[in-house]
């Protein structure tokens, strides 16, 4: 059983900052990549940022220079969001591509989602 638990969402004014955290726990053999997605009302879920075990990162164009993804050594990763805009308002989901056993293929796991609202 694998669980991804997010924290850190909330309401912030335009130009403000928030930091999201995601902690993975359970039967985890290895994590290949970690990431953050978001889904705004009436829109499809989109990838926001991704980091691999080699610490290679990738961002969607709309957040480059404002958001930073990072990870620690204990299966926790973060999304630092600066200069937030109203269009960043969405439910943010963390995601991990991981294996639970050495012989398994990697599978995608999701957190429960956390609401980020940017509004004055």
C-alpha atoms as a PDB file:
ATOM      1  CA  UNK A   1       0.000   0.000   0.000  1.00  0.00           C
ATOM      2  CA  UNK A   2       1.368   3.363  -1.055  1.00  0.00           C
ATOM      3  CA  UNK A   3       0.090   6.720   0.146  1.00  0.00           C
ATOM      4  CA  UNK A   4       0.874  10.206  -1.083  1.00  0.00           C
ATOM      5  CA  UNK A   5      -0.178  12.930   1.328  1.00  0.00           C
ATOM      6  CA  UNK A   6      -0.129  16.563   0.300  1.00  0.00           C
ATOM      7  CA  UNK A   7      -0.151  19.695   2.398  1.00  0.00           C
ATOM      8  CA  UNK A   8       0.322  23.429   2.029  1.00  0.00           C
ATOM      9  CA  UNK A   9      -2.541  24.658  -0.121  1.00  0.00           C
ATOM     10  CA  UNK A  10      -4.674  27.641   0.726  1.00  0.00           C
ATOM     11  CA  UNK A  11      -5.779  31.134  -0.205  1.00  0.00           C
ATOM     12  CA  UNK A  12      -3.166  33.699  -1.202  1.00  0.00           C
ATOM     13  CA  UNK A  13      -3.235  37.133  -2.797  1.00  0.00           C
ATOM     14  CA  UNK A  14      -1.822  37.703  -6.277  1.00  0.00           C
ATOM     15  CA  UNK A  15       1.949  38.039  -6.073  1.00  0.00           C
ATOM     16  CA  UNK A  16       2.098  35.902  -2.964  1.00  0.00           C
ATOM     17  CA  UNK A  17       3.784  32.569  -2.312  1.00  0.00           C
ATOM     18  CA  UNK A  18       2.841  29.098  -1.176  1.00  0.00           C
ATOM     19  CA  UNK A  19       4.808  25.923  -0.637  1.00  0.00           C
ATOM     20  CA  UNK A  20       3.229  22.545  -1.274  1.00  0.00           C
ATOM     21  CA  UNK A  21       4.598  19.329   0.189  1.00  0.00           C
ATOM     22  CA  UNK A  22       3.998  15.716  -0.727  1.00  0.00           C
ATOM     23  CA  UNK A  23       5.116  12.789   1.392  1.00  0.00           C
ATOM     24  CA  UNK A  24       5.103   9.258   0.029  1.00  0.00           C
ATOM     25  CA  UNK A  25       4.865   6.341   2.425  1.00  0.00           C
ATOM     26  CA  UNK A  26       4.214   2.631   2.414  1.00  0.00           C
ATOM     27  CA  UNK A  27       5.743  -0.201   0.471  1.00  0.00           C
ATOM     28  CA  UNK A  28       8.105   1.716  -1.807  1.00  0.00           C
ATOM     29  CA  UNK A  29      11.130   0.092  -3.449  1.00  0.00           C
ATOM     30  CA  UNK A  30      12.157   3.001  -5.641  1.00  0.00           C
ATOM     31  CA  UNK A  31      10.783   6.251  -7.018  1.00  0.00           C
ATOM     32  CA  UNK A  32      11.692   7.140 -10.586  1.00  0.00           C
ATOM     33  CA  UNK A  33      10.080  10.553 -10.781  1.00  0.00           C
ATOM     34  CA  UNK A  34       7.981  12.903  -8.699  1.00  0.00           C
ATOM     35  CA  UNK A  35       5.774  15.667  -9.890  1.00  0.00           C
ATOM     36  CA  UNK A  36       2.942  18.097  -9.475  1.00  0.00           C
ATOM     37  CA  UNK A  37      -0.171  18.427 -11.602  1.00  0.00           C
ATOM     38  CA  UNK A  38      -3.086  20.817 -11.377  1.00  0.00           C
ATOM     39  CA  UNK A  39      -6.670  20.941 -12.521  1.00  0.00           C
ATOM     40  CA  UNK A  40      -8.685  24.120 -12.738  1.00  0.00           C
ATOM     41  CA  UNK A  41     -12.504  24.089 -12.971  1.00  0.00           C
ATOM     42  CA  UNK A  42     -13.624  23.097 -16.438  1.00  0.00           C
ATOM     43  CA  UNK A  43     -10.102  22.260 -17.575  1.00  0.00           C
ATOM     44  CA  UNK A  44      -8.078  19.108 -18.002  1.00  0.00           C
ATOM     45  CA  UNK A  45      -5.421  18.109 -15.504  1.00  0.00           C
ATOM     46  CA  UNK A  46      -2.023  19.413 -16.592  1.00  0.00           C
ATOM     47  CA  UNK A  47       1.531  18.717 -15.581  1.00  0.00           C
ATOM     48  CA  UNK A  48       3.104  21.596 -13.687  1.00  0.00           C
ATOM     49  CA  UNK A  49       6.541  20.371 -12.653  1.00  0.00           C
ATOM     50  CA  UNK A  50       8.510  17.163 -12.528  1.00  0.00           C
ATOM     51  CA  UNK A  51      11.748  16.000 -10.926  1.00  0.00           C
ATOM     52  CA  UNK A  52      13.596  12.752 -11.485  1.00  0.00           C
ATOM     53  CA  UNK A  53      15.792  10.795  -9.098  1.00  0.00           C
ATOM     54  CA  UNK A  54      18.747  12.400 -10.828  1.00  0.00           C
ATOM     55  CA  UNK A  55      17.268  15.799  -9.906  1.00  0.00           C
ATOM     56  CA  UNK A  56      16.514  16.724 -13.491  1.00  0.00           C
ATOM     57  CA  UNK A  57      13.563  19.113 -13.533  1.00  0.00           C
ATOM     58  CA  UNK A  58      10.951  20.145 -16.052  1.00  0.00           C
ATOM     59  CA  UNK A  59       8.246  22.821 -15.883  1.00  0.00           C
ATOM     60  CA  UNK A  60       5.278  23.834 -17.920  1.00  0.00           C
ATOM     61  CA  UNK A  61       5.940  27.144 -19.650  1.00  0.00           C
ATOM     62  CA  UNK A  62       3.399  29.148 -17.654  1.00  0.00           C
ATOM     63  CA  UNK A  63       5.217  28.551 -14.341  1.00  0.00           C
ATOM     64  CA  UNK A  64       8.856  28.746 -15.424  1.00  0.00           C
ATOM     65  CA  UNK A  65      10.762  31.242 -13.322  1.00  0.00           C
ATOM     66  CA  UNK A  66       8.026  31.312 -10.671  1.00  0.00           C
ATOM     67  CA  UNK A  67       7.710  27.726  -9.409  1.00  0.00           C
ATOM     68  CA  UNK A  68      10.473  25.449  -8.144  1.00  0.00           C
ATOM     69  CA  UNK A  69      10.215  21.728  -7.554  1.00  0.00           C
ATOM     70  CA  UNK A  70      12.598  20.041  -5.143  1.00  0.00           C
ATOM     71  CA  UNK A  71      12.933  16.854  -3.166  1.00  0.00           C
ATOM     72  CA  UNK A  72      14.611  15.576  -0.059  1.00  0.00           C
ATOM     73  CA  UNK A  73      16.195  12.215   0.666  1.00  0.00           C
ATOM     74  CA  UNK A  74      13.127  10.762   2.370  1.00  0.00           C
ATOM     75  CA  UNK A  75      10.472  10.469  -0.344  1.00  0.00           C
ATOM     76  CA  UNK A  76       9.157  13.983   0.145  1.00  0.00           C
ATOM     77  CA  UNK A  77       8.999  16.619  -2.538  1.00  0.00           C
ATOM     78  CA  UNK A  78       7.940  20.219  -2.661  1.00  0.00           C
ATOM     79  CA  UNK A  79       6.579  22.874  -4.968  1.00  0.00           C
ATOM     80  CA  UNK A  80       7.597  26.404  -4.084  1.00  0.00           C
ATOM     81  CA  UNK A  81       5.211  28.751  -5.824  1.00  0.00           C
ATOM     82  CA  UNK A  82       6.137  32.441  -6.041  1.00  0.00           C
ATOM     83  CA  UNK A  83       4.551  35.385  -7.814  1.00  0.00           C
ATOM     84  CA  UNK A  84       1.247  33.580  -7.875  1.00  0.00           C
ATOM     85  CA  UNK A  85      -1.396  34.660 -10.345  1.00  0.00           C
ATOM     86  CA  UNK A  86      -5.167  34.149 -10.351  1.00  0.00           C
ATOM     87  CA  UNK A  87      -4.738  31.726 -13.255  1.00  0.00           C
ATOM     88  CA  UNK A  88      -2.716  29.462 -10.954  1.00  0.00           C
ATOM     89  CA  UNK A  89      -5.915  28.724  -9.041  1.00  0.00           C
ATOM     90  CA  UNK A  90      -6.558  24.989  -9.193  1.00  0.00           C
ATOM     91  CA  UNK A  91      -6.498  21.745  -7.267  1.00  0.00           C
ATOM     92  CA  UNK A  92      -2.889  20.613  -7.146  1.00  0.00           C
ATOM     93  CA  UNK A  93      -2.078  16.907  -7.120  1.00  0.00           C
ATOM     94  CA  UNK A  94       1.237  15.302  -6.387  1.00  0.00           C
ATOM     95  CA  UNK A  95       2.287  12.303  -8.435  1.00  0.00           C
ATOM     96  CA  UNK A  96       4.957   9.664  -8.169  1.00  0.00           C
ATOM     97  CA  UNK A  97       6.114   7.064 -10.643  1.00  0.00           C
ATOM     98  CA  UNK A  98       7.426   4.251  -8.474  1.00  0.00           C
ATOM     99  CA  UNK A  99       7.989   0.561  -7.921  1.00  0.00           C
ATOM    100  CA  UNK A 100       6.823  -1.316  -4.856  1.00  0.00           C
ATOM    101  CA  UNK A 101       9.046  -4.331  -5.537  1.00  0.00           C
ATOM    102  CA  UNK A 102      12.226  -4.859  -7.574  1.00  0.00           C
ATOM    103  CA  UNK A 103      10.405  -7.095 -10.046  1.00  0.00           C
ATOM    104  CA  UNK A 104       7.508  -4.692 -10.602  1.00  0.00           C
ATOM    105  CA  UNK A 105       7.013  -2.244 -13.389  1.00  0.00           C
ATOM    106  CA  UNK A 106       6.702   1.368 -12.344  1.00  0.00           C
ATOM    107  CA  UNK A 107       3.216   2.642 -11.659  1.00  0.00           C
ATOM    108  CA  UNK A 108       1.758   6.075 -11.193  1.00  0.00           C
ATOM    109  CA  UNK A 109       0.357   7.080  -7.806  1.00  0.00           C
ATOM    110  CA  UNK A 110      -1.578  10.203  -6.884  1.00  0.00           C
ATOM    111  CA  UNK A 111      -2.205  12.337  -3.857  1.00  0.00           C
ATOM    112  CA  UNK A 112      -5.682  13.439  -2.845  1.00  0.00           C
ATOM    113  CA  UNK A 113      -5.267  16.998  -4.082  1.00  0.00           C
ATOM    114  CA  UNK A 114      -4.969  20.335  -2.326  1.00  0.00           C
ATOM    115  CA  UNK A 115      -6.762  23.533  -3.287  1.00  0.00           C
ATOM    116  CA  UNK A 116      -4.738  26.597  -4.210  1.00  0.00           C
ATOM    117  CA  UNK A 117      -6.727  29.789  -4.654  1.00  0.00           C
ATOM    118  CA  UNK A 118      -5.104  33.020  -5.784  1.00  0.00           C
ATOM    119  CA  UNK A 119      -7.442  35.940  -5.260  1.00  0.00           C
ATOM    120  CA  UNK A 120      -7.555  39.414  -3.803  1.00  0.00           C
END
